[in-house]
Amino acid sequence: MGKTQETNTQALGLYVHVPFCSTTCDFCAFYQERPSKKGFEDYFFALERDFQDHSTDKKFSTVFVGGGTPGLLSAEHISKLCQLINRAGVEKNCEWTVEVAPNEIDQEKITAFLEGGVNRLSLGIQTFNQEFMDELGRDHKVSRALDAYNLVQKAGFESVNIDLLFGAPGQELSDWKEDLKKVVDLNPDHISTYCLTFEEDTALYAKLAKGKIAIDSEKEAAFYEWAWEYLPAQGFFQYEISNYSKKGKECRHNLNTWQMNEWIGYGPSAFSQYRGVRRKNSSNIEEWAKPLIQKSEKKYDEYVHLTKEDLVMDSVLFGLRVNMGINLEHISVKFGIATHSFGSIENFFDSLIEEGLMEKNQGRYSLSKNGRIRCDAIAAEVPELGS
């Protein structure tokens, strides 16, 4: 596929996956490795080669470093990672996020992040209830999470996010309300609230399969709805089903991704969507690193050539999740698709409006509150272009 009409003006994102974790949380299905001296050495040697192989003349407008646990890196390794990213080229006003765990952040690492160019930290607290924290397999105490937040908040980052999880086994709505009250009291710039999912090959999934725990969909819906009601009333603007921020503090990297702009992923298991291809690097650190070290042909877990129609449909599906909604005319221009191709989608959206599941304002379709709670089911029913 050739470049779309706006490729040269679209924001370009960078994602770096740091795969190391000292422990595995019961809910986590992301690729990870136990930290070791050789592991770090091989990772950085291969990562540098990875950056060299994917050089681009376009600077990155957003950077997101995730894992794994990037906070496990030493201050020296953090500086090295930042040097690689800066050498690749970042825009002057680049939003640069790093995920950190509360028990792995200290002043030396914070200094390395700030000096390297990081301006946004995402702190994975998950819950302020020690019982549920233990249930999720987190290896830090609530007191440590609070200390870490205070340290980060005073450091001078442009934005700080707190991740929260809901739907833990045994969690009641009153517990969730208490978590939200506490996070509002901390007053971060951004709050992400994710429903616990039971991914295969996780400890929680094994408990679910054995009948030791159960999913309560009605309770999960109540958790969602309370966050939608409570957080905006406390000054946190909801811009996506699971994300809230102070005005102007939305996560630009995520927004660019949801809008099907391009990004390049580095590191094992990292996804890229670049120049008409969506690919996933090998999820095994040795299989990812070996061809980079040996300068041989790379292997990918996934490699898909994208059509304009693929990108349009993904823009529509991800657009269901964001509060700003879907502007079909804008998508038509962006990807060079004739507006009449959206006929079946518009008819479907109009039927949702009649059911009270969708609204249309100033040319944008967006899900209503009742629609958002059914977002996944609605997305599965969206007709194909021209069908």
Protein backbone atom coordinates (compact mmCIF):
# COMPACT_ATOMS: atom_id res chain seq x y z
CA MET A 1 0.00 0.00 0.00
CA GLY A 2 1.25 3.48 -0.77
CA LYS A 3 1.33 6.26 1.75
CA THR A 4 -2.00 7.77 2.65
CA GLN A 5 -2.69 11.41 1.84
CA GLU A 6 -1.64 12.70 5.24
CA THR A 7 1.32 10.44 5.97
CA ASN A 8 3.87 13.27 5.80
CA THR A 9 1.91 15.46 8.21
CA GLN A 10 0.74 12.78 10.64
CA ALA A 11 2.32 12.51 14.05
CA LEU A 12 4.87 9.71 14.28
CA GLY A 13 5.05 7.78 17.53
CA LEU A 14 7.78 5.66 19.08
CA TYR A 15 7.19 2.71 21.39
CA VAL A 16 10.02 0.94 23.23
CA HIS A 17 9.36 -2.30 25.08
CA VAL A 18 11.56 -2.99 28.10
CA PRO A 19 10.80 -6.65 28.86
CA PHE A 20 12.31 -7.05 32.32
CA CYS A 21 10.20 -7.74 35.43
CA SER A 22 11.37 -8.91 38.85
CA THR A 23 8.01 -10.64 39.47
CA THR A 24 4.97 -11.52 37.40
CA CYS A 25 1.66 -9.97 38.44
CA ASP A 26 -1.20 -12.47 38.45
CA PHE A 27 -3.10 -10.53 35.76
CA CYS A 28 -0.22 -9.71 33.41
CA ALA A 29 0.04 -11.33 29.97
CA PHE A 30 2.71 -8.99 28.53
CA TYR A 31 6.03 -10.48 27.45
CA GLN A 32 8.63 -10.21 30.19
CA GLU A 33 12.03 -11.55 31.25
CA ARG A 34 13.75 -11.82 34.61
CA PRO A 35 16.51 -9.20 34.90
CA SER A 36 20.14 -10.29 34.59
CA LYS A 37 23.42 -8.59 33.72
CA LYS A 38 23.74 -10.55 30.46
CA GLY A 39 20.09 -9.92 29.66
CA PHE A 40 20.53 -6.16 29.98
CA GLU A 41 23.74 -6.22 27.93
CA ASP A 42 22.19 -8.24 25.10
CA TYR A 43 19.03 -6.13 25.17
CA PHE A 44 20.82 -2.81 24.80
CA PHE A 45 23.23 -4.10 22.15
CA ALA A 46 20.32 -5.38 20.06
CA LEU A 47 18.17 -2.32 20.77
CA GLU A 48 20.86 -0.02 19.41
CA ARG A 49 21.00 -2.12 16.23
CA ASP A 50 17.19 -2.01 16.05
CA PHE A 51 17.24 1.79 16.08
CA GLN A 52 19.94 1.88 13.40
CA ASP A 53 17.95 -0.42 11.11
CA HIS A 54 14.74 1.63 11.33
CA SER A 55 16.14 5.10 10.82
CA THR A 56 13.60 7.68 9.63
CA ASP A 57 13.94 11.26 8.44
CA LYS A 58 10.88 12.17 10.49
CA LYS A 59 11.17 13.09 14.17
CA PHE A 60 9.01 11.41 16.79
CA SER A 61 6.21 13.54 18.23
CA THR A 62 5.44 11.06 21.02
CA VAL A 63 7.48 8.43 22.84
CA PHE A 64 6.11 5.70 25.10
CA VAL A 65 8.40 3.34 27.02
CA GLY A 66 6.50 0.38 28.46
CA GLY A 67 7.06 -3.14 29.62
CA GLY A 68 7.72 -5.13 31.52
CA THR A 69 8.99 -2.69 34.07
CA PRO A 70 11.15 0.11 32.61
CA GLY A 71 11.71 1.34 36.16
CA LEU A 72 13.86 -1.75 36.75
CA LEU A 73 16.57 -0.17 34.63
CA SER A 74 19.44 1.41 36.52
CA ALA A 75 20.02 5.15 36.22
CA GLU A 76 22.92 4.34 33.89
CA HIS A 77 20.71 2.19 31.66
CA ILE A 78 17.98 4.85 31.70
CA SER A 79 20.48 7.41 30.45
CA LYS A 80 21.62 5.02 27.73
CA LEU A 81 18.04 4.38 26.61
CA CYS A 82 17.31 8.10 26.50
CA GLN A 83 20.45 8.69 24.43
CA LEU A 84 19.26 6.12 21.86
CA ILE A 85 15.86 7.77 21.63
CA ASN A 86 17.25 11.30 21.39
CA ARG A 87 19.69 10.18 18.72
CA ALA A 88 16.76 8.80 16.71
CA GLY A 89 15.21 12.28 16.77
CA VAL A 90 12.37 13.70 18.83
CA GLU A 91 10.36 16.86 18.26
CA LYS A 92 10.90 19.84 20.55
CA ASN A 93 7.48 19.45 22.18
CA CYS A 94 7.57 15.65 22.19
CA GLU A 95 5.40 13.92 24.81
CA TRP A 96 7.69 11.30 26.36
CA THR A 97 6.10 8.78 28.71
CA VAL A 98 7.70 6.04 30.79
CA GLU A 99 5.80 3.43 32.81
CA VAL A 100 7.17 2.81 36.30
CA ALA A 101 6.22 0.59 39.24
CA PRO A 102 6.10 2.16 42.72
CA ASN A 103 8.72 -0.12 44.23
CA GLU A 104 11.33 0.55 41.54
CA ILE A 105 11.50 4.33 41.41
CA ASP A 106 13.98 6.50 43.29
CA GLN A 107 15.48 9.98 43.02
CA GLU A 108 18.51 8.85 41.02
CA LYS A 109 16.30 7.26 38.36
CA ILE A 110 13.95 10.25 38.32
CA THR A 111 16.93 12.53 37.68
CA ALA A 112 18.06 10.28 34.81
CA PHE A 113 14.58 10.36 33.29
CA LEU A 114 14.31 14.15 33.49
CA GLU A 115 17.81 14.77 32.16
CA GLY A 116 17.12 12.34 29.31
CA GLY A 117 14.01 14.19 28.14
CA VAL A 118 11.18 12.23 29.79
CA ASN A 119 8.33 14.59 30.70
CA ARG A 120 5.50 12.21 31.61
CA LEU A 121 5.49 9.31 34.08
CA SER A 122 2.80 6.64 34.36
CA LEU A 123 2.73 5.09 37.82
CA GLY A 124 1.20 1.60 38.07
CA ILE A 125 -0.45 1.73 41.49
CA GLN A 126 -3.53 -0.35 40.47
CA THR A 127 -5.30 -0.11 43.85
CA PHE A 128 -4.97 1.51 47.27
CA ASN A 129 -6.42 -1.57 48.98
CA GLN A 130 -3.65 -3.85 50.27
CA GLU A 131 -5.87 -6.95 50.17
CA PHE A 132 -6.64 -6.49 46.48
CA MET A 133 -3.05 -5.50 45.74
CA ASP A 134 -1.93 -8.84 47.17
CA GLU A 135 -4.68 -10.62 45.22
CA LEU A 136 -3.33 -9.10 41.99
CA GLY A 137 0.18 -10.30 42.78
CA ARG A 138 1.66 -6.82 43.12
CA ASP A 139 4.89 -6.82 45.12
CA HIS A 140 4.61 -3.38 46.73
CA LYS A 141 2.73 -2.01 49.71
CA VAL A 142 0.19 0.79 49.56
CA SER A 143 2.47 2.96 51.68
CA ARG A 144 5.26 2.49 49.13
CA ALA A 145 2.91 3.47 46.30
CA LEU A 146 2.02 6.70 48.09
CA ASP A 147 5.68 7.48 48.79
CA ALA A 148 6.55 6.86 45.13
CA TYR A 149 3.77 9.14 43.93
CA ASN A 150 4.87 11.96 46.24
CA LEU A 151 8.45 11.57 44.99
CA VAL A 152 7.35 11.66 41.35
CA GLN A 153 4.90 14.53 41.87
CA LYS A 154 7.58 16.77 43.37
CA ALA A 155 10.10 16.01 40.63
CA GLY A 156 8.73 18.42 38.04
CA PHE A 157 7.36 16.17 35.29
CA GLU A 158 4.89 17.93 32.98
CA SER A 159 2.33 15.19 33.57
CA VAL A 160 1.87 12.24 35.93
CA ASN A 161 -0.59 9.42 35.33
CA ILE A 162 -1.87 6.86 37.83
CA ASP A 163 -3.06 3.48 36.57
CA LEU A 164 -5.92 1.83 38.48
CA LEU A 165 -7.49 -1.60 37.99
CA PHE A 166 -11.01 -2.61 38.94
CA GLY A 167 -12.82 -5.94 38.94
CA ALA A 168 -10.42 -7.76 41.27
CA PRO A 169 -11.90 -10.91 42.82
CA GLY A 170 -13.98 -9.90 45.84
CA GLN A 171 -13.90 -6.18 45.05
CA GLU A 172 -17.17 -4.36 45.72
CA LEU A 173 -18.41 -1.03 44.37
CA SER A 174 -17.71 0.56 47.75
CA ASP A 175 -14.05 -0.52 47.43
CA TRP A 176 -13.84 1.01 43.96
CA LYS A 177 -15.38 4.25 45.19
CA GLU A 178 -12.72 4.40 47.89
CA ASP A 179 -9.93 3.87 45.34
CA LEU A 180 -11.30 6.68 43.16
CA LYS A 181 -11.65 9.01 46.13
CA LYS A 182 -8.03 8.39 47.08
CA VAL A 183 -6.70 8.94 43.57
CA VAL A 184 -8.64 12.21 43.31
CA ASP A 185 -7.15 13.30 46.63
CA LEU A 186 -3.67 12.73 45.16
CA ASN A 187 -4.66 14.99 42.24
CA PRO A 188 -2.54 13.58 39.38
CA ASP A 189 -2.74 15.05 35.89
CA HIS A 190 -4.16 11.88 34.35
CA ILE A 191 -5.99 8.77 35.55
CA SER A 192 -6.34 5.47 33.67
CA THR A 193 -8.96 3.01 34.93
CA TYR A 194 -8.85 -0.47 33.44
CA CYS A 195 -11.18 -3.39 33.97
CA LEU A 196 -9.28 -6.50 34.99
CA THR A 197 -9.13 -8.96 32.11
CA PHE A 198 -8.44 -12.65 32.46
CA GLU A 199 -5.80 -13.38 29.85
CA GLU A 200 -4.69 -16.91 29.08
CA ASP A 201 -1.37 -17.98 30.60
CA THR A 202 -1.88 -15.82 33.69
CA ALA A 203 -2.38 -16.91 37.30
CA LEU A 204 -5.80 -15.23 37.43
CA TYR A 205 -6.97 -17.07 34.32
CA ALA A 206 -5.97 -20.37 35.92
CA LYS A 207 -8.08 -19.52 38.98
CA LEU A 208 -10.99 -18.60 36.71
CA ALA A 209 -10.68 -21.85 34.76
CA LYS A 210 -10.71 -23.85 38.00
CA GLY A 211 -13.82 -22.04 39.23
CA LYS A 212 -12.02 -20.42 42.16
CA ILE A 213 -13.11 -16.97 41.00
CA ALA A 214 -15.87 -15.72 38.70
CA ILE A 215 -16.54 -12.74 36.42
CA ASP A 216 -19.44 -10.50 37.45
CA SER A 217 -20.40 -8.44 34.37
CA GLU A 218 -23.08 -6.42 36.18
CA LYS A 219 -20.62 -5.41 38.87
CA GLU A 220 -18.01 -4.43 36.26
CA ALA A 221 -20.61 -2.25 34.52
CA ALA A 222 -21.35 -0.52 37.83
CA PHE A 223 -17.61 0.13 38.32
CA TYR A 224 -17.36 1.71 34.86
CA GLU A 225 -20.43 3.87 35.38
CA TRP A 226 -19.30 5.17 38.75
CA ALA A 227 -15.94 6.27 37.31
CA TRP A 228 -17.72 7.96 34.39
CA GLU A 229 -19.90 9.88 36.82
CA TYR A 230 -17.47 10.60 39.65
CA LEU A 231 -14.18 11.54 37.97
CA PRO A 232 -15.57 14.24 35.62
CA ALA A 233 -17.38 15.76 38.60
CA GLN A 234 -13.97 16.06 40.28
CA GLY A 235 -12.38 17.90 37.36
CA PHE A 236 -11.02 14.96 35.35
CA PHE A 237 -12.20 15.19 31.73
CA GLN A 238 -13.09 11.80 30.26
CA TYR A 239 -11.72 11.51 26.73
CA GLU A 240 -11.83 7.72 26.30
CA ILE A 241 -13.73 4.88 27.95
CA SER A 242 -10.91 4.22 30.42
CA ASN A 243 -8.95 7.49 30.46
CA TYR A 244 -9.41 10.82 32.26
CA SER A 245 -7.24 13.90 32.50
CA LYS A 246 -7.01 17.52 33.43
CA LYS A 247 -7.61 19.76 30.41
CA GLY A 248 -4.70 19.56 28.01
CA LYS A 249 -3.15 16.55 29.77
CA GLU A 250 -4.57 13.80 27.56
CA CYS A 251 -2.07 11.13 26.50
CA ARG A 252 -1.14 12.24 22.98
CA HIS A 253 0.61 8.96 22.21
CA ASN A 254 -2.55 6.94 22.81
CA LEU A 255 -4.71 9.41 20.90
CA ASN A 256 -2.39 9.22 17.89
CA THR A 257 -2.49 5.43 18.03
CA TRP A 258 -6.30 5.32 18.24
CA GLN A 259 -6.48 7.67 15.24
CA MET A 260 -4.40 5.19 13.21
CA ASN A 261 -1.39 7.45 12.85
CA GLU A 262 1.97 5.75 12.44
CA TRP A 263 4.32 4.49 15.13
CA ILE A 264 7.47 2.39 15.24
CA GLY A 265 8.03 -0.20 17.95
CA TYR A 266 11.43 -1.30 19.23
CA GLY A 267 12.23 -4.22 21.50
CA PRO A 268 10.83 -7.75 21.85
CA SER A 269 7.04 -8.06 21.29
CA ALA A 270 6.72 -4.39 20.25
CA PHE A 271 4.16 -3.54 17.58
CA SER A 272 4.73 -1.10 14.71
CA GLN A 273 2.33 0.45 12.24
CA TYR A 274 4.51 2.11 9.65
CA ARG A 275 4.49 2.63 5.89
CA GLY A 276 1.50 0.40 5.28
CA VAL A 277 2.64 -2.51 7.45
CA ARG A 278 1.56 -3.61 10.91
CA ARG A 279 4.09 -5.92 12.49
CA LYS A 280 4.95 -7.43 15.84
CA ASN A 281 8.54 -8.11 16.82
CA SER A 282 9.39 -11.56 18.11
CA SER A 283 8.15 -12.03 21.68
CA ASN A 284 11.24 -13.99 22.65
CA ILE A 285 14.17 -11.79 23.58
CA GLU A 286 16.72 -14.20 22.12
CA GLU A 287 14.82 -14.59 18.83
CA TRP A 288 14.40 -10.81 18.65
CA ALA A 289 18.04 -10.05 19.47
CA LYS A 290 19.81 -12.75 17.44
CA PRO A 291 19.20 -11.36 13.91
CA LEU A 292 19.99 -7.85 15.12
CA ILE A 293 23.29 -8.95 16.63
CA GLN A 294 24.16 -11.17 13.64
CA LYS A 295 22.77 -8.68 11.10
CA SER A 296 20.60 -11.40 9.57
CA GLU A 297 16.97 -11.37 8.46
CA LYS A 298 14.55 -10.44 11.24
CA LYS A 299 11.64 -12.61 12.29
CA TYR A 300 8.26 -11.22 13.24
CA ASP A 301 5.42 -12.81 15.16
CA GLU A 302 3.00 -10.88 12.93
CA TYR A 303 3.49 -9.06 9.64
CA VAL A 304 0.45 -7.67 7.82
CA HIS A 305 0.24 -5.39 4.79
CA LEU A 306 -2.52 -2.87 5.48
CA THR A 307 -5.00 -1.51 2.97
CA LYS A 308 -6.67 1.87 3.24
CA GLU A 309 -9.84 0.00 4.10
CA ASP A 310 -8.11 -1.72 7.04
CA LEU A 311 -7.03 1.63 8.47
CA VAL A 312 -10.47 3.16 7.96
CA MET A 313 -12.21 0.31 9.78
CA ASP A 314 -9.72 0.45 12.66
CA SER A 315 -10.22 4.22 12.87
CA VAL A 316 -13.97 3.65 13.20
CA LEU A 317 -13.63 0.87 15.78
CA PHE A 318 -11.17 2.76 17.97
CA GLY A 319 -13.23 5.91 17.47
CA LEU A 320 -16.09 4.22 19.31
CA ARG A 321 -13.97 4.33 22.47
CA VAL A 322 -13.11 8.03 22.42
CA ASN A 323 -15.50 10.71 23.62
CA MET A 324 -14.80 13.05 20.70
CA GLY A 325 -16.40 10.41 18.50
CA ILE A 326 -16.09 9.58 14.81
CA ASN A 327 -16.04 12.05 11.94
CA LEU A 328 -16.58 9.91 8.86
CA GLU A 329 -15.89 12.81 6.50
CA HIS A 330 -12.51 13.43 8.13
CA ILE A 331 -11.63 9.72 7.94
CA SER A 332 -12.67 9.72 4.27
CA VAL A 333 -10.26 12.56 3.46
CA LYS A 334 -7.44 11.21 5.63
CA PHE A 335 -7.34 7.80 3.97
CA GLY A 336 -8.65 8.68 0.51
CA ILE A 337 -11.88 6.66 0.72
CA ALA A 338 -15.04 7.80 -1.09
CA THR A 339 -17.75 9.01 1.31
CA HIS A 340 -20.40 6.77 -0.28
CA SER A 341 -18.43 3.77 1.02
CA PHE A 342 -19.64 4.63 4.52
CA GLY A 343 -23.33 4.13 3.69
CA SER A 344 -23.80 0.88 5.62
CA ILE A 345 -21.84 2.24 8.59
CA GLU A 346 -23.93 5.42 8.68
CA ASN A 347 -27.13 3.36 8.55
CA PHE A 348 -25.86 1.24 11.43
CA PHE A 349 -24.98 4.34 13.46
CA ASP A 350 -28.41 5.84 12.76
CA SER A 351 -30.02 2.67 14.13
CA LEU A 352 -27.90 3.03 17.28
CA ILE A 353 -29.12 6.62 17.65
CA GLU A 354 -32.72 5.38 17.51
CA GLU A 355 -31.91 2.87 20.27
CA GLY A 356 -30.34 5.56 22.44
CA LEU A 357 -26.88 4.01 22.15
CA MET A 358 -25.28 6.73 20.04
CA GLU A 359 -25.46 10.49 19.51
CA LYS A 360 -24.53 12.76 16.61
CA ASN A 361 -23.26 16.28 17.18
CA GLN A 362 -21.59 18.57 14.63
CA GLY A 363 -20.94 15.70 12.25
CA ARG A 364 -19.44 13.40 14.87
CA TYR A 365 -20.90 10.08 15.98
CA SER A 366 -20.20 9.11 19.60
CA LEU A 367 -21.57 6.46 21.91
CA SER A 368 -23.98 7.50 24.62
CA LYS A 369 -23.47 6.35 28.21
CA ASN A 370 -25.63 3.29 27.51
CA GLY A 371 -23.66 2.70 24.34
CA ARG A 372 -20.25 2.92 26.00
CA ILE A 373 -21.09 0.11 28.39
CA ARG A 374 -21.80 -2.03 25.29
CA CYS A 375 -18.83 -0.76 23.29
CA ASP A 376 -17.22 -4.14 22.56
CA ALA A 377 -20.52 -5.69 21.46
CA ILE A 378 -21.31 -2.70 19.23
CA ALA A 379 -17.82 -2.76 17.68
CA ALA A 380 -18.33 -6.41 16.75
CA GLU A 381 -21.46 -5.46 14.78
CA VAL A 382 -20.05 -2.56 12.75
CA PRO A 383 -20.52 -3.46 9.06
CA GLU A 384 -17.65 -3.44 6.60
CA LEU A 385 -17.13 -0.58 4.16
CA GLY A 386 -19.53 -0.69 1.24
CA SER A 387 -21.37 -3.74 2.57
